[in-house]
Amino acid sequence: MEIGKSVIDEAMKMLRGMVGIPSISFSEDEVCTYVSEVLSGHGIGHARVKNNIVALNRNFDPAKKTLMLCAHLDTVPACDGYSFDPCRPDYNIVRDIFGCGEDDIVCGLGSNDDGGSAVAMCAAFRHFYDKVMPCNLVLILSSEEERSGPGGMSWIWEHYSGIAGLEHAGRPDWAIVGEPTGMKAATSERGLLVIDGEAEGVSGHAARGEGVNALYIALEDIERLRNYDFTKVSPMMGKVRLNVTQIEAGTAHNVIPDRCHFVVDIRPTDMYGNQEILEALQAVCRSRLKARNLKNKSSATVSGSPLLECCSALGIETFSSPTTSDWIRIGCDAVKMGPGMSERSHKKDEYITREEIAGGIDGYISFIETFMRYQ
């Protein structure tokens, strides 16, 4: 469908407002307040729980099934090297970099990940808010997504029926998870398993060759991890991916370290459980391995899902996503889809274009309209 210029203008304005409020994970209070005020200004009834926003369409019927639109409000910290202030970009500088100004682009931290999806979903939700449909809509804008925090989507899903206004709603049956995918639909995504490794040695004086060097133990284990072969290959996602991303040891140049800590980032597939991976890696390492969280499993759209039928009917390209999202925290059938591009996330000079936001709004509305025909 063709959406109006005013709808896109409002989404752009809302996104610039969100970017202007620092909203790093666990510090989303101000941006949540801002988004709540914007929704109230449009007459959208909603509940604020912690730093999350939940809204039901006006004609919500507990007897009907529910499609959830969800995106997140938090960001990672700004990385080094930004050409402009990550929260208050100078659009004269932006024009020099991208060749367009604030009428055609929104720049800054969170603009692409995940502000573009959030404002496009808000606009699509408004489009359907007063309509009577064969399926309910719920809009959830979550916090703490970037850090897998306990107060975001995990909390919402666990306490859903206890949230004011949702006592009789029942958890959603399907979800569109908003993330920057170029409006392609991810029908599977890898999980996330972060492991802390701790090698233990014996301290001593480096000059006398005393002690047992924990750093060497850790390096040997890191080499084993680097060469570990995950033999089961997922038809959708390929092989499990493993990378050691941090290491820390030592107190002085002349002291043999008795402790060495390292961090392992693992992106599991549907072929392995997280506990299974942890146990397999511990079996080849001298260091003690401890998982930070075993719940972030891989996800996939259910075979025969009406979500897949919509993708096919609309000619939406599908793919398997290497990144995680709130999909891992919900217990319903889902796809991941949103405006912007994943490769811009967590990098300097983040941006999203007006054309992409417009395409996101239009794409969500078209998807929801088509989805309703299958209900």
Protein backbone atom coordinates (compact mmCIF):
# COMPACT_ATOMS: atom_id res chain seq x y z
CA MET A 1 0.00 0.00 0.00
CA GLU A 2 1.04 3.64 -0.40
CA ILE A 3 1.56 5.31 2.98
CA GLY A 4 1.17 9.04 3.43
CA LYS A 5 4.04 11.52 3.67
CA SER A 6 2.85 12.65 7.11
CA VAL A 7 3.15 9.11 8.49
CA ILE A 8 6.77 8.89 7.34
CA ASP A 9 7.52 12.41 8.64
CA GLU A 10 6.14 11.47 12.07
CA ALA A 11 8.20 8.27 12.15
CA MET A 12 11.35 10.21 11.22
CA LYS A 13 10.65 12.80 13.93
CA MET A 14 10.03 10.09 16.52
CA LEU A 15 13.26 8.32 15.60
CA ARG A 16 15.32 11.53 15.81
CA GLY A 17 13.84 12.04 19.28
CA MET A 18 14.80 8.51 20.33
CA VAL A 19 18.36 8.88 19.04
CA GLY A 20 18.69 12.12 21.02
CA ILE A 21 18.15 10.26 24.31
CA PRO A 22 21.02 7.99 25.45
CA SER A 23 19.44 4.58 25.99
CA ILE A 24 22.21 2.07 26.64
CA SER A 25 20.92 -1.22 28.08
CA PHE A 26 19.71 -0.84 31.69
CA SER A 27 19.40 2.95 31.19
CA GLU A 28 16.23 3.12 29.07
CA ASP A 29 14.04 5.10 31.48
CA GLU A 30 14.12 8.40 29.56
CA VAL A 31 13.63 6.91 26.10
CA CYS A 32 10.78 4.77 27.43
CA THR A 33 9.14 7.91 28.81
CA TYR A 34 9.58 9.67 25.48
CA VAL A 35 8.08 6.81 23.45
CA SER A 36 5.20 6.53 25.92
CA GLU A 37 4.43 10.24 25.44
CA VAL A 38 4.51 9.86 21.65
CA LEU A 39 2.07 6.93 21.77
CA SER A 40 -0.23 8.80 24.14
CA GLY A 41 -0.15 11.76 21.79
CA HIS A 42 -1.52 9.49 19.06
CA GLY A 43 -4.23 8.13 21.34
CA ILE A 44 -2.62 4.71 21.72
CA GLY A 45 -3.48 3.13 25.06
CA HIS A 46 -0.58 1.22 26.56
CA ALA A 47 1.02 -0.05 29.75
CA ARG A 48 4.56 0.72 30.88
CA VAL A 49 6.12 -2.14 32.83
CA LYS A 50 9.66 -1.54 34.03
CA ASN A 51 11.18 0.10 30.92
CA ASN A 52 9.01 -1.85 28.49
CA ILE A 53 5.89 -0.71 26.65
CA VAL A 54 2.95 -3.01 25.89
CA ALA A 55 -0.06 -1.98 23.79
CA LEU A 56 -3.11 -3.95 22.65
CA ASN A 57 -5.22 -2.97 19.63
CA ARG A 58 -8.43 -1.18 20.71
CA ASN A 59 -10.73 -4.06 19.70
CA PHE A 60 -8.63 -6.78 21.32
CA ASP A 61 -10.68 -9.95 21.76
CA PRO A 62 -9.35 -12.63 24.17
CA ALA A 63 -11.16 -15.28 22.11
CA LYS A 64 -8.94 -14.55 19.09
CA LYS A 65 -5.32 -15.46 18.52
CA THR A 66 -2.65 -12.77 18.69
CA LEU A 67 0.18 -11.53 16.48
CA MET A 68 2.91 -9.64 18.34
CA LEU A 69 5.04 -6.84 16.91
CA CYS A 70 8.17 -6.43 19.01
CA ALA A 71 11.29 -4.29 18.80
CA HIS A 72 13.76 -3.04 21.41
CA LEU A 73 14.48 0.43 22.77
CA ASP A 74 17.99 -0.04 24.13
CA THR A 75 21.35 0.34 22.39
CA VAL A 76 24.92 -0.78 22.86
CA PRO A 77 27.43 1.90 23.97
CA ALA A 78 28.72 4.08 21.14
CA CYS A 79 31.91 2.74 19.62
CA ASP A 80 34.97 4.89 18.97
CA GLY A 81 35.44 6.82 15.74
CA TYR A 82 32.05 8.49 15.24
CA SER A 83 32.27 11.40 12.81
CA PHE A 84 29.55 13.22 14.75
CA ASP A 85 27.92 13.16 18.19
CA PRO A 86 26.20 9.72 18.35
CA CYS A 87 23.13 11.23 20.03
CA ARG A 88 23.05 14.71 18.48
CA PRO A 89 24.51 14.39 14.99
CA ASP A 90 25.53 17.50 13.06
CA TYR A 91 23.66 17.08 9.78
CA ASN A 92 26.13 19.34 7.96
CA ILE A 93 28.74 16.65 8.68
CA VAL A 94 26.19 13.96 7.81
CA ARG A 95 25.61 15.58 4.43
CA ASP A 96 29.35 15.53 3.71
CA ILE A 97 29.48 11.81 4.56
CA PHE A 98 26.26 10.47 3.06
CA GLY A 99 25.27 13.16 0.57
CA CYS A 100 21.87 13.79 2.16
CA GLY A 101 20.45 15.72 5.09
CA GLU A 102 17.99 15.18 7.94
CA ASP A 103 14.96 15.09 5.62
CA ASP A 104 16.26 11.88 4.05
CA ILE A 105 18.29 10.16 6.78
CA VAL A 106 18.42 9.64 10.54
CA CYS A 107 21.90 9.16 11.96
CA GLY A 108 23.18 8.24 15.38
CA LEU A 109 23.32 5.47 17.94
CA GLY A 110 20.30 3.18 17.74
CA SER A 111 18.90 4.66 14.54
CA ASN A 112 19.38 1.41 12.64
CA ASP A 113 19.44 -1.01 15.59
CA ASP A 114 16.70 -0.92 16.61
CA GLY A 115 15.01 2.45 16.29
CA GLY A 116 14.00 1.98 12.66
CA SER A 117 12.04 -1.17 13.47
CA ALA A 118 10.52 0.42 16.58
CA VAL A 119 9.11 3.49 14.81
CA ALA A 120 7.97 1.49 11.76
CA MET A 121 6.14 -0.96 14.02
CA CYS A 122 4.54 1.91 15.96
CA ALA A 123 3.27 3.37 12.67
CA ALA A 124 1.94 0.00 11.48
CA PHE A 125 0.28 -0.62 14.84
CA ARG A 126 -1.42 2.78 14.66
CA HIS A 127 -2.70 1.90 11.18
CA PHE A 128 -4.58 -1.12 12.57
CA TYR A 129 -5.29 0.19 16.07
CA ASP A 130 -9.03 0.88 15.66
CA LYS A 131 -9.82 -1.88 13.17
CA VAL A 132 -11.76 -5.05 13.93
CA MET A 133 -9.66 -7.93 12.64
CA PRO A 134 -9.72 -11.73 12.69
CA CYS A 135 -6.55 -11.67 14.77
CA ASN A 136 -5.39 -9.42 17.63
CA LEU A 137 -2.31 -7.23 17.52
CA VAL A 138 -0.01 -6.49 20.45
CA LEU A 139 2.93 -4.07 20.28
CA ILE A 140 5.83 -4.64 22.68
CA LEU A 141 8.85 -2.33 22.84
CA SER A 142 11.37 -4.00 25.11
CA SER A 143 14.41 -3.00 27.13
CA GLU A 144 17.74 -4.72 27.90
CA GLU A 145 17.76 -6.67 24.61
CA GLU A 146 21.40 -5.92 23.80
CA ARG A 147 22.58 -7.30 27.15
CA SER A 148 20.10 -10.18 27.56
CA GLY A 149 18.90 -8.44 30.72
CA PRO A 150 16.36 -9.96 33.10
CA GLY A 151 13.96 -7.00 32.94
CA GLY A 152 13.22 -7.00 29.22
CA MET A 153 11.42 -9.47 27.00
CA SER A 154 12.31 -12.40 29.26
CA TRP A 155 10.47 -10.73 32.13
CA ILE A 156 7.50 -9.75 29.94
CA TRP A 157 7.07 -13.28 28.61
CA GLU A 158 7.30 -14.84 32.07
CA HIS A 159 4.89 -12.37 33.70
CA TYR A 160 2.64 -11.70 30.70
CA SER A 161 -0.73 -12.49 32.30
CA GLY A 162 0.22 -10.50 35.41
CA ILE A 163 0.72 -7.23 33.54
CA ALA A 164 -2.08 -4.71 34.06
CA GLY A 165 -4.52 -4.96 31.14
CA LEU A 166 -3.20 -8.33 29.97
CA GLU A 167 -4.87 -10.50 32.63
CA HIS A 168 -7.10 -12.19 30.03
CA ALA A 169 -5.02 -11.61 26.93
CA GLY A 170 -2.95 -14.78 26.83
CA ARG A 171 0.54 -14.88 25.37
CA PRO A 172 0.92 -14.15 21.63
CA ASP A 173 0.67 -17.02 19.16
CA TRP A 174 2.98 -15.47 16.55
CA ALA A 175 5.52 -12.67 16.43
CA ILE A 176 7.34 -10.40 14.04
CA VAL A 177 10.62 -9.54 15.73
CA GLY A 178 11.84 -6.18 14.49
CA GLU A 179 15.55 -6.10 13.69
CA PRO A 180 17.44 -4.55 10.75
CA THR A 181 17.22 -7.19 8.00
CA GLY A 182 16.53 -5.05 4.92
CA MET A 183 12.90 -6.26 5.28
CA LYS A 184 13.97 -9.78 4.37
CA ALA A 185 12.54 -12.38 6.74
CA ALA A 186 14.87 -14.41 8.92
CA THR A 187 13.18 -17.77 9.44
CA SER A 188 15.89 -19.00 11.79
CA GLU A 189 18.59 -17.46 13.94
CA ARG A 190 21.51 -18.78 15.90
CA GLY A 191 21.47 -18.89 19.66
CA LEU A 192 24.03 -17.30 21.96
CA LEU A 193 26.25 -19.06 24.49
CA VAL A 194 28.85 -16.99 26.32
CA ILE A 195 31.37 -18.98 28.35
CA ASP A 196 33.85 -17.69 30.92
CA GLY A 197 37.02 -19.78 31.08
CA GLU A 198 39.26 -19.72 34.16
CA ALA A 199 42.70 -21.31 34.04
CA GLU A 200 44.40 -21.90 37.40
CA GLY A 201 48.16 -22.10 37.90
CA VAL A 202 50.68 -21.32 40.65
CA SER A 203 52.26 -17.90 41.05
CA GLY A 204 56.01 -17.47 41.24
CA HIS A 205 58.93 -15.18 40.40
CA ALA A 206 59.49 -14.96 36.67
CA ALA A 207 63.27 -14.59 37.08
CA ARG A 208 63.57 -17.91 38.90
CA GLY A 209 61.21 -19.82 36.63
CA GLU A 210 58.93 -20.68 39.52
CA GLY A 211 55.24 -21.51 39.42
CA VAL A 212 52.79 -22.81 36.84
CA ASN A 213 51.78 -20.23 34.26
CA ALA A 214 47.98 -20.01 34.04
CA LEU A 215 48.30 -17.99 30.86
CA TYR A 216 49.97 -20.91 29.09
CA ILE A 217 47.23 -23.27 30.28
CA ALA A 218 44.62 -20.87 28.91
CA LEU A 219 46.43 -20.54 25.59
CA GLU A 220 46.55 -24.30 25.17
CA ASP A 221 42.83 -24.50 25.90
CA ILE A 222 42.10 -21.64 23.51
CA GLU A 223 43.91 -23.53 20.77
CA ARG A 224 41.81 -26.61 21.52
CA LEU A 225 38.65 -24.51 21.35
CA ARG A 226 39.78 -22.88 18.12
CA ASN A 227 40.24 -26.28 16.50
CA TYR A 228 37.19 -27.98 17.99
CA ASP A 229 35.09 -29.60 15.28
CA PHE A 230 31.32 -29.40 15.67
CA THR A 231 30.51 -32.29 13.38
CA LYS A 232 26.72 -31.86 13.19
CA VAL A 233 25.86 -29.31 10.51
CA SER A 234 22.46 -27.58 10.45
CA PRO A 235 20.73 -27.55 7.04
CA MET A 236 19.46 -24.04 7.85
CA MET A 237 22.34 -22.46 9.77
CA GLY A 238 25.49 -24.38 8.94
CA LYS A 239 28.12 -25.09 11.59
CA VAL A 240 28.27 -23.80 15.15
CA ARG A 241 30.50 -20.70 15.31
CA LEU A 242 33.00 -20.26 18.15
CA ASN A 243 35.35 -17.35 18.86
CA VAL A 244 37.49 -16.48 21.86
CA THR A 245 36.98 -12.74 22.23
CA GLN A 246 38.68 -11.66 25.49
CA ILE A 247 41.63 -12.71 27.66
CA GLU A 248 43.06 -11.28 30.87
CA ALA A 249 45.94 -12.39 33.08
CA GLY A 250 48.84 -11.15 35.18
CA THR A 251 49.55 -8.45 37.74
CA ALA A 252 53.16 -7.52 36.93
CA HIS A 253 55.86 -8.30 34.37
CA ASN A 254 57.89 -10.35 36.85
CA VAL A 255 55.08 -12.44 38.39
CA ILE A 256 53.97 -15.75 36.90
CA PRO A 257 50.17 -15.44 36.70
CA ASP A 258 48.18 -17.93 38.76
CA ARG A 259 44.88 -17.03 37.07
CA CYS A 260 43.88 -16.39 33.49
CA HIS A 261 40.36 -15.50 32.45
CA PHE A 262 39.07 -15.72 28.89
CA VAL A 263 35.68 -15.34 27.22
CA VAL A 264 34.24 -17.55 24.48
CA ASP A 265 31.42 -16.35 22.20
CA ILE A 266 29.50 -19.27 20.67
CA ARG A 267 26.61 -19.08 18.20
CA PRO A 268 24.78 -22.44 18.41
CA THR A 269 22.53 -23.96 15.78
CA ASP A 270 19.48 -26.18 16.08
CA MET A 271 21.75 -29.25 16.02
CA TYR A 272 23.15 -28.68 19.54
CA GLY A 273 21.79 -27.76 22.93
CA ASN A 274 23.75 -25.20 24.94
CA GLN A 275 24.37 -27.62 27.81
CA GLU A 276 25.61 -30.19 25.30
CA ILE A 277 28.11 -27.69 23.88
CA LEU A 278 29.35 -26.67 27.33
CA GLU A 279 29.94 -30.28 28.38
CA ALA A 280 31.72 -31.16 25.12
CA LEU A 281 34.11 -28.21 25.40
CA GLN A 282 34.79 -28.77 29.09
CA ALA A 283 35.88 -32.31 28.23
CA VAL A 284 38.80 -30.98 26.13
CA CYS A 285 39.86 -28.09 28.41
CA ARG A 286 41.88 -27.93 31.65
CA SER A 287 40.37 -24.53 32.42
CA ARG A 288 37.05 -24.37 34.23
CA LEU A 289 34.27 -23.33 31.86
CA LYS A 290 31.13 -21.61 33.12
CA ALA A 291 28.19 -20.51 30.96
CA ARG A 292 26.68 -17.11 31.69
CA ASN A 293 23.28 -18.23 30.41
CA LEU A 294 22.11 -21.54 28.97
CA LYS A 295 18.70 -20.27 27.88
CA ASN A 296 19.62 -18.41 24.68
CA LYS A 297 18.85 -21.23 22.28
CA SER A 298 18.64 -21.09 18.49
CA SER A 299 15.23 -20.37 16.94
CA ALA A 300 13.35 -21.31 13.77
CA THR A 301 9.95 -20.58 12.25
CA VAL A 302 7.61 -23.55 12.53
CA SER A 303 7.23 -25.60 9.36
CA GLY A 304 3.91 -24.79 7.66
CA SER A 305 3.54 -21.57 9.65
CA PRO A 306 1.18 -18.87 8.31
CA LEU A 307 4.16 -16.54 8.73
CA LEU A 308 5.97 -18.54 6.06
CA GLU A 309 2.85 -18.49 3.87
CA CYS A 310 2.83 -14.69 4.10
CA CYS A 311 6.48 -14.48 3.11
CA SER A 312 5.78 -16.67 0.09
CA ALA A 313 2.63 -14.78 -0.92
CA LEU A 314 4.43 -11.42 -0.75
CA GLY A 315 7.63 -12.65 -2.39
CA ILE A 316 9.70 -11.80 0.72
CA GLU A 317 13.19 -13.29 0.62
CA THR A 318 13.97 -15.54 3.59
CA PHE A 319 17.33 -16.34 5.18
CA SER A 320 19.00 -17.70 8.32
CA SER A 321 20.30 -14.97 10.63
CA PRO A 322 23.72 -15.20 12.32
CA THR A 323 22.69 -12.72 15.04
CA THR A 324 20.41 -13.12 18.06
CA SER A 325 17.39 -11.06 19.08
CA ASP A 326 14.42 -11.16 21.45
CA TRP A 327 13.28 -14.18 19.44
CA ILE A 328 15.34 -16.34 21.82
CA ARG A 329 13.26 -15.02 24.75
CA ILE A 330 9.77 -15.73 23.47
CA GLY A 331 7.90 -19.00 23.24
CA CYS A 332 5.88 -18.56 20.07
CA ASP A 333 6.27 -18.98 16.33
CA ALA A 334 8.10 -16.00 14.77
CA VAL A 335 10.04 -14.41 11.95
CA LYS A 336 12.60 -11.61 12.26
CA MET A 337 12.19 -8.69 9.89
CA GLY A 338 12.78 -4.96 9.88
CA PRO A 339 14.13 -1.91 8.02
CA GLY A 340 17.83 -1.07 7.97
CA MET A 341 20.80 -3.38 7.58
CA SER A 342 22.40 -5.60 10.20
CA GLU A 343 25.93 -4.77 9.03
CA ARG A 344 25.48 -1.15 10.21
CA SER A 345 24.72 -2.22 13.78
CA HIS A 346 27.28 -1.69 16.55
CA LYS A 347 29.49 0.38 14.25
CA LYS A 348 30.38 4.06 13.96
CA ASP A 349 28.19 6.52 12.03
CA GLU A 350 25.08 4.36 12.33
CA TYR A 351 22.17 5.46 10.14
CA ILE A 352 18.91 4.55 8.46
CA THR A 353 17.29 6.26 5.48
CA ARG A 354 13.83 7.73 5.04
CA GLU A 355 13.26 5.30 2.18
CA GLU A 356 14.05 2.35 4.46
CA ILE A 357 11.71 3.59 7.19
CA ALA A 358 8.94 4.08 4.64
CA GLY A 359 9.60 0.60 3.29
CA GLY A 360 9.47 -0.79 6.82
CA ILE A 361 6.09 0.78 7.56
CA ASP A 362 4.66 -0.32 4.22
CA GLY A 363 6.17 -3.79 4.57
CA TYR A 364 4.74 -4.37 8.04
CA ILE A 365 1.29 -3.16 7.02
CA SER A 366 1.28 -5.38 3.91
CA PHE A 367 2.49 -8.36 5.92
CA ILE A 368 -0.17 -7.91 8.60
CA GLU A 369 -2.94 -7.49 6.01
CA THR A 370 -1.85 -10.67 4.26
CA PHE A 371 -1.44 -12.53 7.55
CA MET A 372 -5.02 -11.69 8.52
CA ARG A 373 -6.30 -13.53 5.44
CA TYR A 374 -4.92 -16.77 6.86
CA GLN A 375 -6.90 -16.41 10.12
